[in-house]
N, C-alpha and C. Protein backbone atom coordinates (compact mmCIF):
# COMPACT_ATOMS: atom_id res chain seq x y z
N UNK A 1 8.62 -6.42 15.57
CA UNK A 1 8.63 -5.86 14.23
C UNK A 1 9.34 -4.51 14.25
N UNK A 2 10.23 -4.33 13.32
CA UNK A 2 10.92 -3.07 13.22
C UNK A 2 10.03 -2.04 12.57
N UNK A 3 10.20 -0.79 12.96
CA UNK A 3 9.42 0.29 12.33
C UNK A 3 9.84 0.51 10.89
N UNK A 4 11.02 0.09 10.55
CA UNK A 4 11.53 0.28 9.20
C UNK A 4 10.74 -0.56 8.19
N UNK A 5 10.13 -1.63 8.65
CA UNK A 5 9.37 -2.50 7.76
C UNK A 5 7.95 -2.01 7.53
N UNK A 6 7.53 -0.95 8.20
CA UNK A 6 6.16 -0.46 8.08
C UNK A 6 5.84 -0.03 6.65
N UNK A 7 6.77 0.63 5.99
CA UNK A 7 6.55 1.06 4.62
C UNK A 7 6.37 -0.10 3.67
N UNK A 8 7.19 -1.13 3.84
CA UNK A 8 7.09 -2.32 2.99
C UNK A 8 5.76 -3.03 3.22
N UNK A 9 5.33 -3.09 4.47
CA UNK A 9 4.05 -3.73 4.79
C UNK A 9 2.90 -2.97 4.15
N UNK A 10 2.94 -1.64 4.16
CA UNK A 10 1.88 -0.85 3.53
C UNK A 10 1.86 -1.05 2.02
N UNK A 11 3.02 -1.13 1.40
CA UNK A 11 3.09 -1.36 -0.04
C UNK A 11 2.49 -2.72 -0.40
N UNK A 12 2.84 -3.74 0.35
CA UNK A 12 2.32 -5.08 0.10
C UNK A 12 0.81 -5.13 0.35
N UNK A 13 0.34 -4.45 1.39
CA UNK A 13 -1.09 -4.40 1.68
C UNK A 13 -1.87 -3.74 0.54
N UNK A 14 -1.36 -2.64 0.02
CA UNK A 14 -2.01 -1.98 -1.11
C UNK A 14 -2.02 -2.84 -2.35
N UNK A 15 -0.93 -3.54 -2.60
CA UNK A 15 -0.88 -4.44 -3.76
C UNK A 15 -1.85 -5.60 -3.60
N UNK A 16 -1.95 -6.14 -2.39
CA UNK A 16 -2.91 -7.22 -2.15
C UNK A 16 -4.34 -6.74 -2.32
N UNK A 17 -4.61 -5.50 -1.93
CA UNK A 17 -5.95 -4.94 -2.13
C UNK A 17 -6.28 -4.87 -3.62
N UNK A 18 -5.32 -4.47 -4.44
CA UNK A 18 -5.55 -4.39 -5.87
C UNK A 18 -5.75 -5.78 -6.48
N UNK A 19 -4.97 -6.75 -6.03
CA UNK A 19 -5.12 -8.11 -6.54
C UNK A 19 -6.47 -8.69 -6.14
N UNK A 20 -6.86 -8.49 -4.88
CA UNK A 20 -8.15 -9.00 -4.41
C UNK A 20 -9.31 -8.30 -5.10
N UNK A 21 -9.14 -7.03 -5.44
CA UNK A 21 -10.22 -6.32 -6.13
C UNK A 21 -10.44 -6.89 -7.52
N UNK A 22 -9.40 -7.39 -8.13
CA UNK A 22 -9.54 -8.02 -9.45
C UNK A 22 -10.34 -9.32 -9.36
N UNK A 23 -10.00 -10.14 -8.37
CA UNK A 23 -10.67 -11.43 -8.24
C UNK A 23 -12.07 -11.31 -7.63
N UNK A 24 -12.32 -10.26 -6.86
CA UNK A 24 -13.63 -10.07 -6.24
C UNK A 24 -14.53 -9.20 -7.10
N UNK A 25 -14.10 -8.89 -8.30
CA UNK A 25 -14.87 -8.08 -9.25
C UNK A 25 -15.19 -6.68 -8.69
N UNK A 26 -14.21 -6.07 -8.05
CA UNK A 26 -14.35 -4.72 -7.52
C UNK A 26 -13.57 -3.70 -8.33
N UNK A 27 -13.16 -4.08 -9.53
CA UNK A 27 -12.31 -3.23 -10.35
C UNK A 27 -13.04 -1.95 -10.77
N UNK A 28 -14.34 -2.03 -10.92
CA UNK A 28 -15.11 -0.88 -11.37
C UNK A 28 -15.35 0.16 -10.29
N UNK A 29 -15.05 -0.16 -9.04
CA UNK A 29 -15.27 0.78 -7.94
C UNK A 29 -14.01 1.61 -7.73
N UNK A 30 -14.11 2.88 -8.06
CA UNK A 30 -12.93 3.74 -8.02
C UNK A 30 -12.44 4.02 -6.60
N UNK A 31 -13.35 4.11 -5.64
CA UNK A 31 -12.92 4.41 -4.27
C UNK A 31 -12.03 3.30 -3.72
N UNK A 32 -12.29 2.07 -4.09
CA UNK A 32 -11.46 0.96 -3.63
C UNK A 32 -10.06 1.03 -4.24
N UNK A 33 -10.00 1.31 -5.53
CA UNK A 33 -8.70 1.39 -6.21
C UNK A 33 -7.92 2.62 -5.76
N UNK A 34 -8.59 3.75 -5.55
CA UNK A 34 -7.91 4.95 -5.06
C UNK A 34 -7.39 4.73 -3.65
N UNK A 35 -8.16 4.04 -2.82
CA UNK A 35 -7.69 3.72 -1.47
C UNK A 35 -6.43 2.87 -1.48
N UNK A 36 -6.42 1.86 -2.36
CA UNK A 36 -5.23 1.02 -2.48
C UNK A 36 -4.03 1.82 -2.98
N UNK A 37 -4.28 2.72 -3.94
CA UNK A 37 -3.20 3.57 -4.46
C UNK A 37 -2.64 4.48 -3.37
N UNK A 38 -3.52 5.06 -2.56
CA UNK A 38 -3.06 5.93 -1.48
C UNK A 38 -2.26 5.16 -0.43
N UNK A 39 -2.65 3.92 -0.16
CA UNK A 39 -1.89 3.10 0.78
C UNK A 39 -0.51 2.78 0.22
N UNK A 40 -0.42 2.50 -1.06
CA UNK A 40 0.88 2.23 -1.69
C UNK A 40 1.77 3.47 -1.64
N UNK A 41 1.20 4.63 -1.96
CA UNK A 41 1.99 5.87 -1.92
C UNK A 41 2.43 6.18 -0.50
N UNK A 42 1.55 5.99 0.47
CA UNK A 42 1.92 6.21 1.88
C UNK A 42 3.03 5.24 2.28
N UNK A 43 2.99 4.03 1.79
CA UNK A 43 4.04 3.06 2.10
C UNK A 43 5.38 3.45 1.51
N UNK A 44 5.35 3.97 0.29
CA UNK A 44 6.60 4.41 -0.35
C UNK A 44 7.20 5.59 0.42
N UNK A 45 6.36 6.55 0.75
CA UNK A 45 6.84 7.73 1.49
C UNK A 45 7.36 7.32 2.87
N UNK A 46 6.62 6.45 3.55
CA UNK A 46 7.05 5.98 4.87
C UNK A 46 8.38 5.25 4.79
N UNK A 47 8.54 4.42 3.79
CA UNK A 47 9.80 3.68 3.64
C UNK A 47 10.97 4.63 3.38
N UNK A 48 10.76 5.63 2.55
CA UNK A 48 11.83 6.59 2.27
C UNK A 48 12.20 7.37 3.53
N UNK A 49 11.20 7.84 4.28
CA UNK A 49 11.47 8.62 5.48
C UNK A 49 12.18 7.79 6.53
N UNK A 50 11.72 6.54 6.74
CA UNK A 50 12.35 5.68 7.73
C UNK A 50 13.78 5.31 7.33
N UNK A 51 14.03 5.13 6.04
CA UNK A 51 15.38 4.81 5.57
C UNK A 51 16.32 5.98 5.74
N UNK A 52 15.83 7.20 5.49
CA UNK A 52 16.67 8.40 5.64
C UNK A 52 17.05 8.64 7.10
N UNK A 53 16.14 8.33 8.02
CA UNK A 53 16.40 8.58 9.44
C UNK A 53 17.41 7.61 10.04
N UNK A 54 17.46 6.39 9.51
CA UNK A 54 18.38 5.41 10.11
C UNK A 54 19.70 5.34 9.39
């Protein structure tokens, strides 16, 4: 696995967490949604940094 794909993987993981929270009825729990949001933001930042370096 290339390190450049790490950002994309984090974005997809955060999106999957949000989708699963909808189906598992976890939408009302803010800590779960904030965690998914932070993972998505970390993925975006990681992708930008890795793209700039290569």
